[in-house]
């Protein structure tokens, strides 16, 4: 399946790329980066949690990723 790029122009989706799809082929378009579905409160909670984690890392807290992955692999 080949990816096609399109843009919106005057409220219409415009695809200006050559393709070898057969005439009449129906394609489904999706937004390449739909973002997320967080509301303002959830986004604020996420940012607070990220800031807390970063502060912990800066003070020497946290777990080494390689060690954690090794431990998880050993369990499974």
Protein backbone atom coordinates (compact mmCIF):
# COMPACT_ATOMS: atom_id res chain seq x y z
CA UNK A 1 0.00 0.00 0.00
CA UNK A 2 1.49 3.31 -0.97
CA UNK A 3 1.05 6.47 1.10
CA UNK A 4 -0.27 9.55 -0.64
CA UNK A 5 0.12 13.11 0.61
CA UNK A 6 -2.74 15.54 0.29
CA UNK A 7 -3.51 19.08 1.41
CA UNK A 8 -6.67 21.02 2.03
CA UNK A 9 -7.28 23.88 -0.37
CA UNK A 10 -10.49 25.91 -0.32
CA UNK A 11 -12.18 23.24 1.78
CA UNK A 12 -11.27 20.43 -0.64
CA UNK A 13 -8.73 17.64 -0.29
CA UNK A 14 -6.20 17.91 -3.09
CA UNK A 15 -3.87 15.05 -3.97
CA UNK A 16 -1.22 16.08 -6.44
CA UNK A 17 0.90 12.95 -6.67
CA UNK A 18 1.07 10.35 -9.39
CA UNK A 19 -0.27 6.93 -8.50
CA UNK A 20 -0.65 3.58 -10.17
CA UNK A 21 -3.91 2.80 -8.38
CA UNK A 22 -6.61 1.54 -10.73
CA UNK A 23 -9.20 4.07 -11.91
CA UNK A 24 -12.13 4.22 -9.49
CA UNK A 25 -10.17 2.96 -6.48
CA UNK A 26 -11.69 4.25 -3.25
CA UNK A 27 -9.13 5.39 -0.68
CA UNK A 28 -9.54 6.28 2.97
CA UNK A 29 -7.79 9.42 4.17
CA UNK A 30 -6.77 9.93 7.79
CA UNK A 31 -5.06 12.89 9.42
CA UNK A 32 -1.35 12.10 9.72
CA UNK A 33 -1.09 13.51 13.26
CA UNK A 34 -4.45 13.56 14.96
CA UNK A 35 -2.92 14.61 18.28
CA UNK A 36 -4.53 13.19 21.38
CA UNK A 37 -7.92 13.12 23.04
CA UNK A 38 -6.91 14.75 26.32
CA UNK A 39 -9.04 17.52 27.73
CA UNK A 40 -7.45 20.54 29.42
CA UNK A 41 -7.52 18.97 32.89
CA UNK A 42 -6.00 15.68 31.72
CA UNK A 43 -3.32 17.54 29.78
CA UNK A 44 -2.47 19.60 32.89
CA UNK A 45 -2.20 16.39 34.96
CA UNK A 46 0.08 14.84 32.33
CA UNK A 47 2.35 17.90 32.27
CA UNK A 48 2.49 17.95 36.08
CA UNK A 49 3.43 14.26 36.18
CA UNK A 50 6.13 14.78 33.55
CA UNK A 51 7.54 17.76 35.46
CA UNK A 52 7.56 15.73 38.69
CA UNK A 53 9.37 12.85 36.99
CA UNK A 54 11.94 15.16 35.44
CA UNK A 55 12.58 16.83 38.80
CA UNK A 56 13.08 13.39 40.36
CA UNK A 57 15.58 12.43 37.66
CA UNK A 58 17.51 15.65 38.16
CA UNK A 59 17.96 14.85 41.85
CA UNK A 60 19.27 11.36 41.14
CA UNK A 61 16.00 9.48 41.43
CA UNK A 62 14.53 7.16 38.89
CA UNK A 63 15.52 3.81 37.47
CA UNK A 64 18.01 3.05 34.71
CA UNK A 65 16.04 2.01 31.63
CA UNK A 66 18.40 -0.84 30.66
CA UNK A 67 18.24 -2.29 34.17
CA UNK A 68 14.46 -2.04 34.24
CA UNK A 69 14.10 -3.71 30.84
CA UNK A 70 16.45 -6.52 31.89
CA UNK A 71 14.43 -7.06 35.04
CA UNK A 72 11.15 -7.13 33.14
CA UNK A 73 12.54 -9.57 30.57
CA UNK A 74 13.74 -11.86 33.35
CA UNK A 75 10.21 -12.00 34.79
CA UNK A 76 8.55 -12.93 31.51
